Amino acid sequence: MRLRYPTGYYKPFHELVAATPQIIEAHHVTGEDCFVLKVLARSMRDLEGITGRIAGLGAITTSVVYSSPLPRRALSNDG
């Protein structure tokens, strides 16, 4: 989920993240969006509820992962 946060006052964002255990990662990023969140939802209804809470802070964009052909690649010292 990406969040476009309209202000530099981040306390409400940090409070929401702390109070929402389904948010398992939060990254402050550059570009049009301010934050990228990784959210685990049990169902589409659960995702809808989480999305509704986060949308109270700003504009959001969601993406659902269908599959992960490369879930995580380990870094090597070879470059």
PDB file of N, CA and C in Angstrom:
ATOM      1  N   MET A   1       0.858  -1.166   0.000  1.00  0.00           N
ATOM      2  CA  MET A   1       0.000   0.000   0.000  1.00  0.00           C
ATOM      3  C   MET A   1       0.906   1.231   0.000  1.00  0.00           C
ATOM      4  N   ARG A   2       0.525   2.228  -0.801  1.00  0.00           N
ATOM      5  CA  ARG A   2       1.276   3.484  -0.809  1.00  0.00           C
ATOM      6  C   ARG A   2       0.379   4.567  -0.232  1.00  0.00           C
ATOM      7  N   LEU A   3       0.980   5.453   0.544  1.00  0.00           N
ATOM      8  CA  LEU A   3       0.241   6.539   1.180  1.00  0.00           C
ATOM      9  C   LEU A   3       0.850   7.867   0.789  1.00  0.00           C
ATOM     10  N   ARG A   4       0.033   8.744   0.285  1.00  0.00           N
ATOM     11  CA  ARG A   4       0.445  10.119   0.003  1.00  0.00           C
ATOM     12  C   ARG A   4      -0.034  10.951   1.191  1.00  0.00           C
ATOM     13  N   TYR A   5       0.878  11.311   2.044  1.00  0.00           N
ATOM     14  CA  TYR A   5       0.564  11.983   3.307  1.00  0.00           C
ATOM     15  C   TYR A   5       0.653  13.492   3.102  1.00  0.00           C
ATOM     16  N   PRO A   6      -0.399  14.246   3.425  1.00  0.00           N
ATOM     17  CA  PRO A   6      -0.462  15.660   3.029  1.00  0.00           C
ATOM     18  C   PRO A   6       0.300  16.646   3.916  1.00  0.00           C
ATOM     19  N   THR A   7       0.933  16.181   4.979  1.00  0.00           N
ATOM     20  CA  THR A   7       1.592  17.103   5.897  1.00  0.00           C
ATOM     21  C   THR A   7       2.889  16.503   6.411  1.00  0.00           C
ATOM     22  N   GLY A   8       3.736  17.326   6.980  1.00  0.00           N
ATOM     23  CA  GLY A   8       4.980  16.852   7.577  1.00  0.00           C
ATOM     24  C   GLY A   8       4.827  16.476   9.041  1.00  0.00           C
ATOM     25  N   TYR A   9       3.604  16.549   9.561  1.00  0.00           N
ATOM     26  CA  TYR A   9       3.330  16.192  10.955  1.00  0.00           C
ATOM     27  C   TYR A   9       2.988  14.702  11.001  1.00  0.00           C
ATOM     28  N   TYR A  10       3.966  13.870  11.376  1.00  0.00           N
ATOM     29  CA  TYR A  10       3.847  12.423  11.243  1.00  0.00           C
ATOM     30  C   TYR A  10       3.300  11.705  12.468  1.00  0.00           C
ATOM     31  N   LYS A  11       3.016  12.408  13.552  1.00  0.00           N
ATOM     32  CA  LYS A  11       2.558  11.737  14.771  1.00  0.00           C
ATOM     33  C   LYS A  11       1.308  10.882  14.533  1.00  0.00           C
ATOM     34  N   PRO A  12       0.256  11.384  13.836  1.00  0.00           N
ATOM     35  CA  PRO A  12      -0.909  10.526  13.580  1.00  0.00           C
ATOM     36  C   PRO A  12      -0.559   9.264  12.782  1.00  0.00           C
ATOM     37  N   PHE A  13       0.363   9.390  11.839  1.00  0.00           N
ATOM     38  CA  PHE A  13       0.801   8.229  11.064  1.00  0.00           C
ATOM     39  C   PHE A  13       1.474   7.215  11.969  1.00  0.00           C
ATOM     40  N   HIS A  14       2.411   7.663  12.786  1.00  0.00           N
ATOM     41  CA  HIS A  14       3.128   6.747  13.687  1.00  0.00           C
ATOM     42  C   HIS A  14       2.177   6.086  14.673  1.00  0.00           C
ATOM     43  N   GLU A  15       1.192   6.807  15.153  1.00  0.00           N
ATOM     44  CA  GLU A  15       0.204   6.240  16.077  1.00  0.00           C
ATOM     45  C   GLU A  15      -0.637   5.173  15.380  1.00  0.00           C
ATOM     46  N   LEU A  16      -1.047   5.436  14.140  1.00  0.00           N
ATOM     47  CA  LEU A  16      -1.829   4.452  13.397  1.00  0.00           C
ATOM     48  C   LEU A  16      -1.013   3.187  13.136  1.00  0.00           C
ATOM     49  N   VAL A  17       0.234   3.350  12.742  1.00  0.00           N
ATOM     50  CA  VAL A  17       1.098   2.193  12.493  1.00  0.00           C
ATOM     51  C   VAL A  17       1.254   1.373  13.778  1.00  0.00           C
ATOM     52  N   ALA A  18       1.480   2.034  14.895  1.00  0.00           N
ATOM     53  CA  ALA A  18       1.657   1.329  16.169  1.00  0.00           C
ATOM     54  C   ALA A  18       0.386   0.585  16.581  1.00  0.00           C
ATOM     55  N   ALA A  19      -0.772   1.124  16.245  1.00  0.00           N
ATOM     56  CA  ALA A  19      -2.044   0.541  16.670  1.00  0.00           C
ATOM     57  C   ALA A  19      -2.623  -0.460  15.669  1.00  0.00           C
ATOM     58  N   THR A  20      -1.937  -0.705  14.559  1.00  0.00           N
ATOM     59  CA  THR A  20      -2.458  -1.584  13.514  1.00  0.00           C
ATOM     60  C   THR A  20      -1.472  -2.728  13.276  1.00  0.00           C
ATOM     61  N   PRO A  21      -1.672  -3.878  13.945  1.00  0.00           N
ATOM     62  CA  PRO A  21      -0.702  -4.967  13.817  1.00  0.00           C
ATOM     63  C   PRO A  21      -0.626  -5.571  12.417  1.00  0.00           C
ATOM     64  N   GLN A  22      -1.639  -5.339  11.576  1.00  0.00           N
ATOM     65  CA  GLN A  22      -1.598  -5.857  10.204  1.00  0.00           C
ATOM     66  C   GLN A  22      -0.578  -5.121   9.346  1.00  0.00           C
ATOM     67  N   ILE A  23      -0.143  -3.943   9.778  1.00  0.00           N
ATOM     68  CA  ILE A  23       0.940  -3.233   9.083  1.00  0.00           C
ATOM     69  C   ILE A  23       2.238  -3.816   9.609  1.00  0.00           C
ATOM     70  N   ILE A  24       2.938  -4.571   8.743  1.00  0.00           N
ATOM     71  CA  ILE A  24       4.148  -5.254   9.207  1.00  0.00           C
ATOM     72  C   ILE A  24       5.432  -4.550   8.783  1.00  0.00           C
ATOM     73  N   GLU A  25       5.328  -3.617   7.838  1.00  0.00           N
ATOM     74  CA  GLU A  25       6.476  -2.797   7.443  1.00  0.00           C
ATOM     75  C   GLU A  25       5.961  -1.422   7.041  1.00  0.00           C
ATOM     76  N   ALA A  26       6.758  -0.401   7.310  1.00  0.00           N
ATOM     77  CA  ALA A  26       6.444   0.963   6.879  1.00  0.00           C
ATOM     78  C   ALA A  26       7.749   1.626   6.476  1.00  0.00           C
ATOM     79  N   HIS A  27       7.771   2.180   5.276  1.00  0.00           N
ATOM     80  CA  HIS A  27       8.980   2.803   4.734  1.00  0.00           C
ATOM     81  C   HIS A  27       8.664   4.217   4.266  1.00  0.00           C
ATOM     82  N   HIS A  28       9.449   5.184   4.713  1.00  0.00           N
ATOM     83  CA  HIS A  28       9.334   6.573   4.263  1.00  0.00           C
ATOM     84  C   HIS A  28      10.127   6.655   2.965  1.00  0.00           C
ATOM     85  N   VAL A  29       9.490   7.110   1.883  1.00  0.00           N
ATOM     86  CA  VAL A  29      10.115   7.053   0.562  1.00  0.00           C
ATOM     87  C   VAL A  29      10.074   8.406  -0.142  1.00  0.00           C
ATOM     88  N   THR A  30      10.857   8.516  -1.199  1.00  0.00           N
ATOM     89  CA  THR A  30      10.825   9.704  -2.044  1.00  0.00           C
ATOM     90  C   THR A  30       9.795   9.510  -3.145  1.00  0.00           C
ATOM     91  N   GLY A  31       9.489  10.563  -3.848  1.00  0.00           N
ATOM     92  CA  GLY A  31       8.548  10.488  -4.959  1.00  0.00           C
ATOM     93  C   GLY A  31       7.198  11.064  -4.580  1.00  0.00           C
ATOM     94  N   GLU A  32       6.186  10.760  -5.377  1.00  0.00           N
ATOM     95  CA  GLU A  32       4.851  11.301  -5.146  1.00  0.00           C
ATOM     96  C   GLU A  32       4.230  10.774  -3.864  1.00  0.00           C
ATOM     97  N   ASP A  33       4.503   9.530  -3.514  1.00  0.00           N
ATOM     98  CA  ASP A  33       3.992   8.951  -2.278  1.00  0.00           C
ATOM     99  C   ASP A  33       5.000   9.200  -1.162  1.00  0.00           C
ATOM    100  N   CYS A  34       4.512   9.215   0.058  1.00  0.00           N
ATOM    101  CA  CYS A  34       5.378   9.467   1.208  1.00  0.00           C
ATOM    102  C   CYS A  34       5.787   8.188   1.921  1.00  0.00           C
ATOM    103  N   PHE A  35       4.873   7.208   1.937  1.00  0.00           N
ATOM    104  CA  PHE A  35       5.128   5.964   2.655  1.00  0.00           C
ATOM    105  C   PHE A  35       4.715   4.775   1.804  1.00  0.00           C
ATOM    106  N   VAL A  36       5.460   3.686   1.947  1.00  0.00           N
ATOM    107  CA  VAL A  36       5.090   2.393   1.404  1.00  0.00           C
ATOM    108  C   VAL A  36       4.894   1.479   2.601  1.00  0.00           C
ATOM    109  N   LEU A  37       3.734   0.848   2.663  1.00  0.00           N
ATOM    110  CA  LEU A  37       3.390  -0.024   3.780  1.00  0.00           C
ATOM    111  C   LEU A  37       3.196  -1.443   3.278  1.00  0.00           C
ATOM    112  N   LYS A  38       3.694  -2.412   4.040  1.00  0.00           N
ATOM    113  CA  LYS A  38       3.371  -3.796   3.758  1.00  0.00           C
ATOM    114  C   LYS A  38       2.318  -4.199   4.773  1.00  0.00           C
ATOM    115  N   VAL A  39       1.180  -4.658   4.269  1.00  0.00           N
ATOM    116  CA  VAL A  39       0.024  -4.982   5.100  1.00  0.00           C
ATOM    117  C   VAL A  39      -0.358  -6.437   4.865  1.00  0.00           C
ATOM    118  N   LEU A  40      -0.600  -7.166   5.955  1.00  0.00           N
ATOM    119  CA  LEU A  40      -1.118  -8.524   5.854  1.00  0.00           C
ATOM    120  C   LEU A  40      -2.583  -8.497   6.246  1.00  0.00           C
ATOM    121  N   ALA A  41      -3.447  -8.911   5.333  1.00  0.00           N
ATOM    122  CA  ALA A  41      -4.884  -8.931   5.595  1.00  0.00           C
ATOM    123  C   ALA A  41      -5.385 -10.366   5.459  1.00  0.00           C
ATOM    124  N   ARG A  42      -6.317 -10.747   6.319  1.00  0.00           N
ATOM    125  CA  ARG A  42      -6.875 -12.110   6.302  1.00  0.00           C
ATOM    126  C   ARG A  42      -7.885 -12.305   5.175  1.00  0.00           C
ATOM    127  N   SER A  43      -8.475 -11.224   4.716  1.00  0.00           N
ATOM    128  CA  SER A  43      -9.513 -11.309   3.691  1.00  0.00           C
ATOM    129  C   SER A  43      -9.633  -9.952   3.016  1.00  0.00           C
ATOM    130  N   MET A  44     -10.423  -9.898   1.971  1.00  0.00           N
ATOM    131  CA  MET A  44     -10.671  -8.618   1.312  1.00  0.00           C
ATOM    132  C   MET A  44     -11.429  -7.686   2.247  1.00  0.00           C
ATOM    133  N   ARG A  45     -12.324  -8.223   3.064  1.00  0.00           N
ATOM    134  CA  ARG A  45     -13.055  -7.402   4.035  1.00  0.00           C
ATOM    135  C   ARG A  45     -12.080  -6.803   5.059  1.00  0.00           C
ATOM    136  N   ASP A  46     -11.108  -7.609   5.501  1.00  0.00           N
ATOM    137  CA  ASP A  46     -10.087  -7.111   6.425  1.00  0.00           C
ATOM    138  C   ASP A  46      -9.266  -6.012   5.762  1.00  0.00           C
ATOM    139  N   LEU A  47      -8.877  -6.227   4.493  1.00  0.00           N
ATOM    140  CA  LEU A  47      -8.121  -5.219   3.754  1.00  0.00           C
ATOM    141  C   LEU A  47      -8.924  -3.932   3.618  1.00  0.00           C
ATOM    142  N   GLU A  48     -10.213  -4.065   3.372  1.00  0.00           N
ATOM    143  CA  GLU A  48     -11.065  -2.892   3.251  1.00  0.00           C
ATOM    144  C   GLU A  48     -11.080  -2.083   4.552  1.00  0.00           C
ATOM    145  N   GLY A  49     -11.148  -2.760   5.684  1.00  0.00           N
ATOM    146  CA  GLY A  49     -11.134  -2.068   6.973  1.00  0.00           C
ATOM    147  C   GLY A  49      -9.813  -1.375   7.243  1.00  0.00           C
ATOM    148  N   ILE A  50      -8.719  -2.069   6.971  1.00  0.00           N
ATOM    149  CA  ILE A  50      -7.393  -1.485   7.167  1.00  0.00           C
ATOM    150  C   ILE A  50      -7.211  -0.279   6.244  1.00  0.00           C
ATOM    151  N   THR A  51      -7.604  -0.454   4.981  1.00  0.00           N
ATOM    152  CA  THR A  51      -7.500   0.621   4.003  1.00  0.00           C
ATOM    153  C   THR A  51      -8.305   1.842   4.442  1.00  0.00           C
ATOM    154  N   GLY A  52      -9.481   1.611   4.979  1.00  0.00           N
ATOM    155  CA  GLY A  52     -10.311   2.722   5.448  1.00  0.00           C
ATOM    156  C   GLY A  52      -9.647   3.515   6.564  1.00  0.00           C
ATOM    157  N   ARG A  53      -9.000   2.817   7.489  1.00  0.00           N
ATOM    158  CA  ARG A  53      -8.305   3.522   8.575  1.00  0.00           C
ATOM    159  C   ARG A  53      -7.122   4.334   8.047  1.00  0.00           C
ATOM    160  N   ILE A  54      -6.347   3.738   7.163  1.00  0.00           N
ATOM    161  CA  ILE A  54      -5.173   4.427   6.625  1.00  0.00           C
ATOM    162  C   ILE A  54      -5.593   5.593   5.734  1.00  0.00           C
ATOM    163  N   ALA A  55      -6.681   5.430   4.984  1.00  0.00           N
ATOM    164  CA  ALA A  55      -7.147   6.487   4.082  1.00  0.00           C
ATOM    165  C   ALA A  55      -7.570   7.734   4.839  1.00  0.00           C
ATOM    166  N   GLY A  56      -7.825   7.627   6.134  1.00  0.00           N
ATOM    167  CA  GLY A  56      -8.119   8.809   6.935  1.00  0.00           C
ATOM    168  C   GLY A  56      -6.939   9.752   7.042  1.00  0.00           C
ATOM    169  N   LEU A  57      -5.744   9.266   6.686  1.00  0.00           N
ATOM    170  CA  LEU A  57      -4.530  10.090   6.766  1.00  0.00           C
ATOM    171  C   LEU A  57      -4.174  10.757   5.441  1.00  0.00           C
ATOM    172  N   GLY A  58      -4.617  10.207   4.334  1.00  0.00           N
ATOM    173  CA  GLY A  58      -4.245  10.753   3.030  1.00  0.00           C
ATOM    174  C   GLY A  58      -4.669   9.805   1.928  1.00  0.00           C
ATOM    175  N   ALA A  59      -4.270  10.116   0.707  1.00  0.00           N
ATOM    176  CA  ALA A  59      -4.617   9.301  -0.453  1.00  0.00           C
ATOM    177  C   ALA A  59      -3.790   8.025  -0.451  1.00  0.00           C
ATOM    178  N   ILE A  60      -4.446   6.886  -0.726  1.00  0.00           N
ATOM    179  CA  ILE A  60      -3.736   5.615  -0.740  1.00  0.00           C
ATOM    180  C   ILE A  60      -3.911   4.917  -2.079  1.00  0.00           C
ATOM    181  N   THR A  61      -2.962   4.053  -2.372  1.00  0.00           N
ATOM    182  CA  THR A  61      -3.013   3.163  -3.519  1.00  0.00           C
ATOM    183  C   THR A  61      -2.671   1.776  -3.006  1.00  0.00           C
ATOM    184  N   THR A  62      -3.484   0.781  -3.353  1.00  0.00           N
ATOM    185  CA  THR A  62      -3.206  -0.581  -2.915  1.00  0.00           C
ATOM    186  C   THR A  62      -2.799  -1.442  -4.091  1.00  0.00           C
ATOM    187  N   SER A  63      -2.024  -2.448  -3.793  1.00  0.00           N
ATOM    188  CA  SER A  63      -1.653  -3.489  -4.747  1.00  0.00           C
ATOM    189  C   SER A  63      -1.720  -4.810  -4.002  1.00  0.00           C
ATOM    190  N   VAL A  64      -2.263  -5.821  -4.649  1.00  0.00           N
ATOM    191  CA  VAL A  64      -2.367  -7.140  -4.044  1.00  0.00           C
ATOM    192  C   VAL A  64      -1.360  -8.056  -4.735  1.00  0.00           C
ATOM    193  N   VAL A  65      -0.582  -8.792  -3.959  1.00  0.00           N
ATOM    194  CA  VAL A  65       0.405  -9.723  -4.500  1.00  0.00           C
ATOM    195  C   VAL A  65      -0.296 -11.025  -4.870  1.00  0.00           C
ATOM    196  N   TYR A  66      -0.239 -11.403  -6.140  1.00  0.00           N
ATOM    197  CA  TYR A  66      -0.800 -12.676  -6.597  1.00  0.00           C
ATOM    198  C   TYR A  66       0.135 -13.839  -6.285  1.00  0.00           C
ATOM    199  N   SER A  67       1.416 -13.627  -6.558  1.00  0.00           N
ATOM    200  CA  SER A  67       2.425 -14.650  -6.301  1.00  0.00           C
ATOM    201  C   SER A  67       3.773 -13.965  -6.187  1.00  0.00           C
ATOM    202  N   SER A  68       4.775 -14.717  -5.771  1.00  0.00           N
ATOM    203  CA  SER A  68       6.114 -14.154  -5.575  1.00  0.00           C
ATOM    204  C   SER A  68       7.147 -15.053  -6.246  1.00  0.00           C
ATOM    205  N   PRO A  69       7.407 -14.852  -7.547  1.00  0.00           N
ATOM    206  CA  PRO A  69       8.392 -15.672  -8.235  1.00  0.00           C
ATOM    207  C   PRO A  69       9.792 -15.556  -7.621  1.00  0.00           C
ATOM    208  N   LEU A  70      10.096 -14.412  -7.027  1.00  0.00           N
ATOM    209  CA  LEU A  70      11.362 -14.209  -6.332  1.00  0.00           C
ATOM    210  C   LEU A  70      11.049 -13.462  -5.038  1.00  0.00           C
ATOM    211  N   PRO A  71      10.722 -14.178  -3.967  1.00  0.00           N
ATOM    212  CA  PRO A  71      10.289 -13.507  -2.739  1.00  0.00           C
ATOM    213  C   PRO A  71      11.370 -12.631  -2.098  1.00  0.00           C
ATOM    214  N   ARG A  72      12.596 -13.077  -2.076  1.00  0.00           N
ATOM    215  CA  ARG A  72      13.673 -12.276  -1.517  1.00  0.00           C
ATOM    216  C   ARG A  72      14.996 -12.872  -1.979  1.00  0.00           C
ATOM    217  N   ARG A  73      15.839 -12.043  -2.523  1.00  0.00           N
ATOM    218  CA  ARG A  73      17.141 -12.498  -2.993  1.00  0.00           C
ATOM    219  C   ARG A  73      18.196 -12.088  -1.995  1.00  0.00           C
ATOM    220  N   ALA A  74      19.065 -13.012  -1.632  1.00  0.00           N
ATOM    221  CA  ALA A  74      20.159 -12.696  -0.722  1.00  0.00           C
ATOM    222  C   ALA A  74      21.230 -11.903  -1.473  1.00  0.00           C
ATOM    223  N   LEU A  75      21.812 -10.947  -0.806  1.00  0.00           N
ATOM    224  CA  LEU A  75      22.906 -10.166  -1.396  1.00  0.00           C
ATOM    225  C   LEU A  75      24.205 -10.949  -1.277  1.00  0.00           C
ATOM    226  N   SER A  76      25.006 -10.860  -2.299  1.00  0.00           N
ATOM    227  CA  SER A  76      26.308 -11.516  -2.252  1.00  0.00           C
ATOM    228  C   SER A  76      27.402 -10.462  -2.348  1.00  0.00           C
ATOM    229  N   ASN A  77      28.588 -10.846  -2.023  1.00  0.00           N
ATOM    230  CA  ASN A  77      29.744  -9.940  -2.094  1.00  0.00           C
ATOM    231  C   ASN A  77      30.305  -9.859  -3.509  1.00  0.00           C
ATOM    232  N   ASP A  78      29.746 -10.619  -4.448  1.00  0.00           N
ATOM    233  CA  ASP A  78      30.252 -10.661  -5.815  1.00  0.00           C
ATOM    234  C   ASP A  78      29.831  -9.443  -6.636  1.00  0.00           C
ATOM    235  N   GLY A  79      28.919  -8.641  -6.132  1.00  0.00           N
ATOM    236  CA  GLY A  79      28.543  -7.448  -6.878  1.00  0.00           C
ATOM    237  C   GLY A  79      27.218  -7.576  -7.440  1.00  0.00           C
TER     238      GLY A  79
END
